[in-house]
């Protein structure tokens, strides 16, 4: 509708503007456009409010084919099994792989906890700003990476389809906004079997499954 008004303004004023000085032409054009926009506002005011609301409302995420995390997360296998099969792009793939190689043997809570650490790093200015960037930081230097599976020299083979489906769902929910309340903002973790030097510096926030979690100050 607005485009039609502007087209009409240009046609009606074209011959007049061509014969006027630039300053006069600007004044005439502004006046004509102001009048046309006034007509536009008057026309909109004739439309019922219900109709306007329907025209301007943002469709729900489901109608826009957007995925969202469930409103409530239950950290058990039954809840996870009930979620739809997960898919995604490069960032989802990176997170799902990290969860598979770092936490597939953990409880559902433990998988979410490891995922929280990765997303917390993405949010931190100390680390890369993408999931793939965080996960692959230091990759290429043997045992100098952030996540051991990316630089231990072993082939990264997905050999457990059921575990892959589970971690894929966890990754999808975390990316889609699942709450991160398990680790109290942790940015680091390690298994109970090791004792890295940084564990004596950073405060421990919690222990879930076989992992201790820490928050970098």
C-alpha atoms as a PDB file:
ATOM      1  CA  UNK A   1       0.000   0.000   0.000  1.00  0.00           C
ATOM      2  CA  UNK A   2       2.797   2.427   0.909  1.00  0.00           C
ATOM      3  CA  UNK A   3       4.580   1.629  -2.359  1.00  0.00           C
ATOM      4  CA  UNK A   4       1.410   2.460  -4.284  1.00  0.00           C
ATOM      5  CA  UNK A   5       1.156   5.831  -2.559  1.00  0.00           C
ATOM      6  CA  UNK A   6       4.789   6.644  -3.326  1.00  0.00           C
ATOM      7  CA  UNK A   7       4.305   5.634  -6.961  1.00  0.00           C
ATOM      8  CA  UNK A   8       1.259   7.877  -7.188  1.00  0.00           C
ATOM      9  CA  UNK A   9       3.199  10.728  -5.614  1.00  0.00           C
ATOM     10  CA  UNK A  10       6.010  10.389  -8.100  1.00  0.00           C
ATOM     11  CA  UNK A  11       3.632  10.336 -11.076  1.00  0.00           C
ATOM     12  CA  UNK A  12       1.500  13.249  -9.919  1.00  0.00           C
ATOM     13  CA  UNK A  13       4.414  15.440  -8.937  1.00  0.00           C
ATOM     14  CA  UNK A  14       6.830  14.528 -11.698  1.00  0.00           C
ATOM     15  CA  UNK A  15       5.870  17.230 -14.189  1.00  0.00           C
ATOM     16  CA  UNK A  16       5.541  19.923 -11.534  1.00  0.00           C
ATOM     17  CA  UNK A  17       8.904  19.154  -9.932  1.00  0.00           C
ATOM     18  CA  UNK A  18      10.680  19.263 -13.270  1.00  0.00           C
ATOM     19  CA  UNK A  19       9.752  22.941 -13.688  1.00  0.00           C
ATOM     20  CA  UNK A  20      10.707  24.081 -10.170  1.00  0.00           C
ATOM     21  CA  UNK A  21      13.991  25.099  -8.595  1.00  0.00           C
ATOM     22  CA  UNK A  22      15.548  22.376  -6.367  1.00  0.00           C
ATOM     23  CA  UNK A  23      14.548  24.034  -3.081  1.00  0.00           C
ATOM     24  CA  UNK A  24      10.972  24.559  -4.256  1.00  0.00           C
ATOM     25  CA  UNK A  25      10.814  21.007  -5.604  1.00  0.00           C
ATOM     26  CA  UNK A  26      11.860  19.610  -2.215  1.00  0.00           C
ATOM     27  CA  UNK A  27       9.160  21.621  -0.457  1.00  0.00           C
ATOM     28  CA  UNK A  28       6.452  20.486  -2.869  1.00  0.00           C
ATOM     29  CA  UNK A  29       7.555  16.853  -2.677  1.00  0.00           C
ATOM     30  CA  UNK A  30       7.592  16.875   1.121  1.00  0.00           C
ATOM     31  CA  UNK A  31       4.102  18.354   1.200  1.00  0.00           C
ATOM     32  CA  UNK A  32       2.728  15.784  -1.244  1.00  0.00           C
ATOM     33  CA  UNK A  33       4.365  12.863   0.543  1.00  0.00           C
ATOM     34  CA  UNK A  34       3.100  14.124   3.886  1.00  0.00           C
ATOM     35  CA  UNK A  35      -0.432  14.221   2.516  1.00  0.00           C
ATOM     36  CA  UNK A  36      -0.155  10.723   1.079  1.00  0.00           C
ATOM     37  CA  UNK A  37       1.249   9.307   4.315  1.00  0.00           C
ATOM     38  CA  UNK A  38      -1.626  10.934   6.153  1.00  0.00           C
ATOM     39  CA  UNK A  39      -4.016   9.075   3.871  1.00  0.00           C
ATOM     40  CA  UNK A  40      -2.097   5.876   4.614  1.00  0.00           C
ATOM     41  CA  UNK A  41      -2.502   6.379   8.369  1.00  0.00           C
ATOM     42  CA  UNK A  42      -6.194   7.110   7.942  1.00  0.00           C
ATOM     43  CA  UNK A  43      -6.646   3.918   5.917  1.00  0.00           C
ATOM     44  CA  UNK A  44      -4.865   1.838   8.569  1.00  0.00           C
ATOM     45  CA  UNK A  45      -7.095   3.305  11.274  1.00  0.00           C
ATOM     46  CA  UNK A  46     -10.095   1.893   9.422  1.00  0.00           C
ATOM     47  CA  UNK A  47      -8.751  -1.650   9.808  1.00  0.00           C
ATOM     48  CA  UNK A  48     -10.143  -3.420  12.920  1.00  0.00           C
ATOM     49  CA  UNK A  49      -7.620  -3.946  15.718  1.00  0.00           C
ATOM     50  CA  UNK A  50      -8.150  -7.703  15.630  1.00  0.00           C
ATOM     51  CA  UNK A  51      -7.205  -7.774  11.959  1.00  0.00           C
ATOM     52  CA  UNK A  52      -4.125  -5.613  12.546  1.00  0.00           C
ATOM     53  CA  UNK A  53      -2.995  -7.891  15.370  1.00  0.00           C
ATOM     54  CA  UNK A  54      -3.355 -10.931  13.136  1.00  0.00           C
ATOM     55  CA  UNK A  55      -1.377  -9.275  10.342  1.00  0.00           C
ATOM     56  CA  UNK A  56       1.503  -8.124  12.546  1.00  0.00           C
ATOM     57  CA  UNK A  57       1.796 -11.018  15.008  1.00  0.00           C
ATOM     58  CA  UNK A  58       4.985 -13.099  14.835  1.00  0.00           C
ATOM     59  CA  UNK A  59       4.083 -16.745  14.131  1.00  0.00           C
ATOM     60  CA  UNK A  60       5.019 -19.240  16.855  1.00  0.00           C
ATOM     61  CA  UNK A  61       8.321 -21.064  16.519  1.00  0.00           C
ATOM     62  CA  UNK A  62       6.534 -24.251  15.446  1.00  0.00           C
ATOM     63  CA  UNK A  63       4.901 -22.439  12.519  1.00  0.00           C
ATOM     64  CA  UNK A  64       8.289 -21.031  11.461  1.00  0.00           C
ATOM     65  CA  UNK A  65       9.882 -24.493  11.617  1.00  0.00           C
ATOM     66  CA  UNK A  66      12.187 -23.393  14.444  1.00  0.00           C
ATOM     67  CA  UNK A  67      13.329 -25.803  17.120  1.00  0.00           C
ATOM     68  CA  UNK A  68      13.123 -24.816  20.761  1.00  0.00           C
ATOM     69  CA  UNK A  69      14.242 -26.602  23.887  1.00  0.00           C
ATOM     70  CA  UNK A  70      11.531 -28.174  26.070  1.00  0.00           C
ATOM     71  CA  UNK A  71      10.290 -25.895  28.821  1.00  0.00           C
ATOM     72  CA  UNK A  72      11.321 -28.402  31.481  1.00  0.00           C
ATOM     73  CA  UNK A  73      14.315 -30.727  31.304  1.00  0.00           C
ATOM     74  CA  UNK A  74      14.214 -34.050  33.135  1.00  0.00           C
ATOM     75  CA  UNK A  75      17.658 -35.591  33.342  1.00  0.00           C
ATOM     76  CA  UNK A  76      16.850 -39.225  32.673  1.00  0.00           C
ATOM     77  CA  UNK A  77      16.881 -41.673  29.775  1.00  0.00           C
ATOM     78  CA  UNK A  78      13.081 -41.799  29.496  1.00  0.00           C
ATOM     79  CA  UNK A  79      12.876 -38.050  28.949  1.00  0.00           C
ATOM     80  CA  UNK A  80      15.673 -38.167  26.395  1.00  0.00           C
ATOM     81  CA  UNK A  81      14.103 -41.087  24.539  1.00  0.00           C
ATOM     82  CA  UNK A  82      10.859 -39.128  24.210  1.00  0.00           C
ATOM     83  CA  UNK A  83      12.553 -36.231  22.399  1.00  0.00           C
ATOM     84  CA  UNK A  84      12.513 -36.071  18.587  1.00  0.00           C
ATOM     85  CA  UNK A  85      15.522 -37.228  16.609  1.00  0.00           C
ATOM     86  CA  UNK A  86      17.960 -34.328  16.507  1.00  0.00           C
ATOM     87  CA  UNK A  87      19.597 -32.783  13.483  1.00  0.00           C
ATOM     88  CA  UNK A  88      21.538 -29.613  12.868  1.00  0.00           C
ATOM     89  CA  UNK A  89      24.330 -27.829  11.096  1.00  0.00           C
ATOM     90  CA  UNK A  90      28.051 -27.560  11.693  1.00  0.00           C
ATOM     91  CA  UNK A  91      27.828 -26.181  15.240  1.00  0.00           C
ATOM     92  CA  UNK A  92      25.401 -28.908  16.295  1.00  0.00           C
ATOM     93  CA  UNK A  93      27.694 -31.516  14.739  1.00  0.00           C
ATOM     94  CA  UNK A  94      30.687 -30.192  16.686  1.00  0.00           C
ATOM     95  CA  UNK A  95      28.829 -30.209  20.001  1.00  0.00           C
ATOM     96  CA  UNK A  96      27.299 -33.645  19.421  1.00  0.00           C
ATOM     97  CA  UNK A  97      30.733 -35.084  18.600  1.00  0.00           C
ATOM     98  CA  UNK A  98      32.264 -33.526  21.709  1.00  0.00           C
ATOM     99  CA  UNK A  99      29.527 -35.002  23.882  1.00  0.00           C
ATOM    100  CA  UNK A 100      29.910 -38.379  22.210  1.00  0.00           C
ATOM    101  CA  UNK A 101      33.653 -38.633  22.781  1.00  0.00           C
ATOM    102  CA  UNK A 102      33.743 -36.840  26.134  1.00  0.00           C
ATOM    103  CA  UNK A 103      30.543 -37.919  27.874  1.00  0.00           C
ATOM    104  CA  UNK A 104      28.557 -40.642  26.107  1.00  0.00           C
ATOM    105  CA  UNK A 105      29.110 -42.999  29.046  1.00  0.00           C
ATOM    106  CA  UNK A 106      27.811 -40.466  31.556  1.00  0.00           C
ATOM    107  CA  UNK A 107      24.274 -40.110  32.856  1.00  0.00           C
ATOM    108  CA  UNK A 108      21.940 -37.733  31.028  1.00  0.00           C
ATOM    109  CA  UNK A 109      22.748 -35.147  33.679  1.00  0.00           C
ATOM    110  CA  UNK A 110      26.454 -35.738  33.097  1.00  0.00           C
ATOM    111  CA  UNK A 111      26.093 -35.218  29.343  1.00  0.00           C
ATOM    112  CA  UNK A 112      24.232 -31.954  29.858  1.00  0.00           C
ATOM    113  CA  UNK A 113      26.887 -30.849  32.362  1.00  0.00           C
ATOM    114  CA  UNK A 114      29.739 -31.343  29.885  1.00  0.00           C
ATOM    115  CA  UNK A 115      27.705 -29.491  27.269  1.00  0.00           C
ATOM    116  CA  UNK A 116      27.209 -26.617  29.696  1.00  0.00           C
ATOM    117  CA  UNK A 117      30.970 -26.196  30.026  1.00  0.00           C
ATOM    118  CA  UNK A 118      31.345 -25.863  26.266  1.00  0.00           C
ATOM    119  CA  UNK A 119      28.549 -23.308  25.960  1.00  0.00           C
ATOM    120  CA  UNK A 120      29.873 -21.399  28.973  1.00  0.00           C
ATOM    121  CA  UNK A 121      33.193 -21.094  27.172  1.00  0.00           C
ATOM    122  CA  UNK A 122      31.460 -19.790  24.059  1.00  0.00           C
ATOM    123  CA  UNK A 123      29.960 -17.061  26.255  1.00  0.00           C
ATOM    124  CA  UNK A 124      33.354 -16.177  27.758  1.00  0.00           C
ATOM    125  CA  UNK A 125      35.660 -13.595  26.181  1.00  0.00           C
ATOM    126  CA  UNK A 126      38.600 -15.887  27.022  1.00  0.00           C
ATOM    127  CA  UNK A 127      37.570 -18.454  24.415  1.00  0.00           C
ATOM    128  CA  UNK A 128      36.438 -18.609  20.782  1.00  0.00           C
ATOM    129  CA  UNK A 129      32.904 -17.410  20.157  1.00  0.00           C
ATOM    130  CA  UNK A 130      31.554 -20.529  18.442  1.00  0.00           C
ATOM    131  CA  UNK A 131      31.006 -24.119  19.519  1.00  0.00           C
ATOM    132  CA  UNK A 132      33.354 -25.510  16.884  1.00  0.00           C
ATOM    133  CA  UNK A 133      35.958 -22.888  17.781  1.00  0.00           C
ATOM    134  CA  UNK A 134      35.867 -23.792  21.473  1.00  0.00           C
ATOM    135  CA  UNK A 135      35.923 -27.533  20.855  1.00  0.00           C
ATOM    136  CA  UNK A 136      38.758 -27.453  18.334  1.00  0.00           C
ATOM    137  CA  UNK A 137      40.918 -24.904  20.149  1.00  0.00           C
ATOM    138  CA  UNK A 138      44.493 -26.189  20.144  1.00  0.00           C
ATOM    139  CA  UNK A 139      43.712 -29.108  17.849  1.00  0.00           C
ATOM    140  CA  UNK A 140      46.763 -30.163  15.863  1.00  0.00           C
ATOM    141  CA  UNK A 141      49.169 -30.091  18.805  1.00  0.00           C
ATOM    142  CA  UNK A 142      49.282 -33.498  20.426  1.00  0.00           C
ATOM    143  CA  UNK A 143      47.815 -33.328  23.935  1.00  0.00           C
ATOM    144  CA  UNK A 144      47.847 -29.523  23.788  1.00  0.00           C
ATOM    145  CA  UNK A 145      44.174 -29.175  22.885  1.00  0.00           C
ATOM    146  CA  UNK A 146      41.263 -28.302  25.141  1.00  0.00           C
ATOM    147  CA  UNK A 147      39.351 -31.548  24.598  1.00  0.00           C
ATOM    148  CA  UNK A 148      41.601 -34.590  24.486  1.00  0.00           C
ATOM    149  CA  UNK A 149      39.757 -36.531  21.808  1.00  0.00           C
ATOM    150  CA  UNK A 150      40.616 -33.845  19.233  1.00  0.00           C
ATOM    151  CA  UNK A 151      44.387 -34.307  19.599  1.00  0.00           C
ATOM    152  CA  UNK A 152      45.074 -37.767  21.044  1.00  0.00           C
ATOM    153  CA  UNK A 153      45.914 -39.268  17.670  1.00  0.00           C
ATOM    154  CA  UNK A 154      42.991 -41.709  17.728  1.00  0.00           C
ATOM    155  CA  UNK A 155      40.489 -41.868  14.889  1.00  0.00           C
ATOM    156  CA  UNK A 156      37.169 -40.219  15.744  1.00  0.00           C
ATOM    157  CA  UNK A 157      34.747 -42.973  14.797  1.00  0.00           C
ATOM    158  CA  UNK A 158      31.074 -42.946  15.792  1.00  0.00           C
ATOM    159  CA  UNK A 159      30.587 -46.647  16.546  1.00  0.00           C
ATOM    160  CA  UNK A 160      27.579 -46.510  18.895  1.00  0.00           C
ATOM    161  CA  UNK A 161      24.469 -45.282  17.034  1.00  0.00           C
ATOM    162  CA  UNK A 162      22.231 -45.258  20.117  1.00  0.00           C
ATOM    163  CA  UNK A 163      24.732 -43.161  22.056  1.00  0.00           C
ATOM    164  CA  UNK A 164      25.058 -40.811  19.082  1.00  0.00           C
ATOM    165  CA  UNK A 165      21.302 -40.278  19.003  1.00  0.00           C
ATOM    166  CA  UNK A 166      21.298 -39.471  22.718  1.00  0.00           C
ATOM    167  CA  UNK A 167      24.130 -36.952  22.596  1.00  0.00           C
ATOM    168  CA  UNK A 168      22.630 -35.420  19.467  1.00  0.00           C
ATOM    169  CA  UNK A 169      19.427 -34.700  21.374  1.00  0.00           C
ATOM    170  CA  UNK A 170      21.357 -33.195  24.280  1.00  0.00           C
ATOM    171  CA  UNK A 171      23.343 -31.002  21.892  1.00  0.00           C
ATOM    172  CA  UNK A 172      20.164 -29.878  20.150  1.00  0.00           C
ATOM    173  CA  UNK A 173      18.449 -28.909  23.393  1.00  0.00           C
ATOM    174  CA  UNK A 174      21.473 -27.003  24.677  1.00  0.00           C
ATOM    175  CA  UNK A 175      21.803 -25.058  21.436  1.00  0.00           C
ATOM    176  CA  UNK A 176      18.072 -24.342  21.460  1.00  0.00           C
ATOM    177  CA  UNK A 177      18.236 -22.745  24.894  1.00  0.00           C
ATOM    178  CA  UNK A 178      17.987 -25.454  27.538  1.00  0.00           C
ATOM    179  CA  UNK A 179      18.789 -24.002  30.989  1.00  0.00           C
ATOM    180  CA  UNK A 180      22.382 -24.270  32.163  1.00  0.00           C
ATOM    181  CA  UNK A 181      21.959 -24.754  35.890  1.00  0.00           C
ATOM    182  CA  UNK A 182      23.921 -27.915  36.653  1.00  0.00           C
ATOM    183  CA  UNK A 183      27.506 -26.677  36.928  1.00  0.00           C
ATOM    184  CA  UNK A 184      27.203 -23.151  38.332  1.00  0.00           C
ATOM    185  CA  UNK A 185      28.949 -21.567  35.364  1.00  0.00           C
ATOM    186  CA  UNK A 186      31.768 -24.118  35.054  1.00  0.00           C
ATOM    187  CA  UNK A 187      34.330 -23.620  32.293  1.00  0.00           C
ATOM    188  CA  UNK A 188      36.503 -26.667  33.024  1.00  0.00           C
ATOM    189  CA  UNK A 189      36.116 -30.299  34.008  1.00  0.00           C
ATOM    190  CA  UNK A 190      38.248 -33.389  34.395  1.00  0.00           C
ATOM    191  CA  UNK A 191      37.676 -37.009  35.283  1.00  0.00           C
ATOM    192  CA  UNK A 192      38.252 -38.272  38.793  1.00  0.00           C
ATOM    193  CA  UNK A 193      41.219 -40.257  37.461  1.00  0.00           C
ATOM    194  CA  UNK A 194      43.422 -37.208  36.833  1.00  0.00           C
ATOM    195  CA  UNK A 195      44.486 -34.112  38.756  1.00  0.00           C
ATOM    196  CA  UNK A 196      45.510 -31.271  36.421  1.00  0.00           C
ATOM    197  CA  UNK A 197      47.406 -28.279  37.786  1.00  0.00           C
ATOM    198  CA  UNK A 198      44.600 -25.831  37.065  1.00  0.00           C
ATOM    199  CA  UNK A 199      42.308 -27.833  39.370  1.00  0.00           C
ATOM    200  CA  UNK A 200      44.310 -26.447  42.305  1.00  0.00           C
ATOM    201  CA  UNK A 201      43.643 -22.882  41.143  1.00  0.00           C
ATOM    202  CA  UNK A 202      40.042 -22.758  39.930  1.00  0.00           C
ATOM    203  CA  UNK A 203      37.203 -23.268  42.420  1.00  0.00           C
ATOM    204  CA  UNK A 204      35.313 -26.529  42.054  1.00  0.00           C
ATOM    205  CA  UNK A 205      31.620 -25.952  41.424  1.00  0.00           C
ATOM    206  CA  UNK A 206      30.239 -29.495  41.498  1.00  0.00           C
ATOM    207  CA  UNK A 207      30.861 -33.157  40.783  1.00  0.00           C
ATOM    208  CA  UNK A 208      28.565 -35.067  38.440  1.00  0.00           C
ATOM    209  CA  UNK A 209      29.253 -38.668  37.539  1.00  0.00           C
ATOM    210  CA  UNK A 210      32.933 -39.187  36.801  1.00  0.00           C
ATOM    211  CA  UNK A 211      33.695 -35.483  36.299  1.00  0.00           C
ATOM    212  CA  UNK A 212      34.697 -32.664  38.635  1.00  0.00           C
ATOM    213  CA  UNK A 213      33.666 -29.212  37.367  1.00  0.00           C
ATOM    214  CA  UNK A 214      35.443 -25.881  37.911  1.00  0.00           C
ATOM    215  CA  UNK A 215      34.852 -22.229  37.088  1.00  0.00           C
ATOM    216  CA  UNK A 216      37.703 -20.092  35.823  1.00  0.00           C
ATOM    217  CA  UNK A 217      37.912 -16.885  37.832  1.00  0.00           C
END
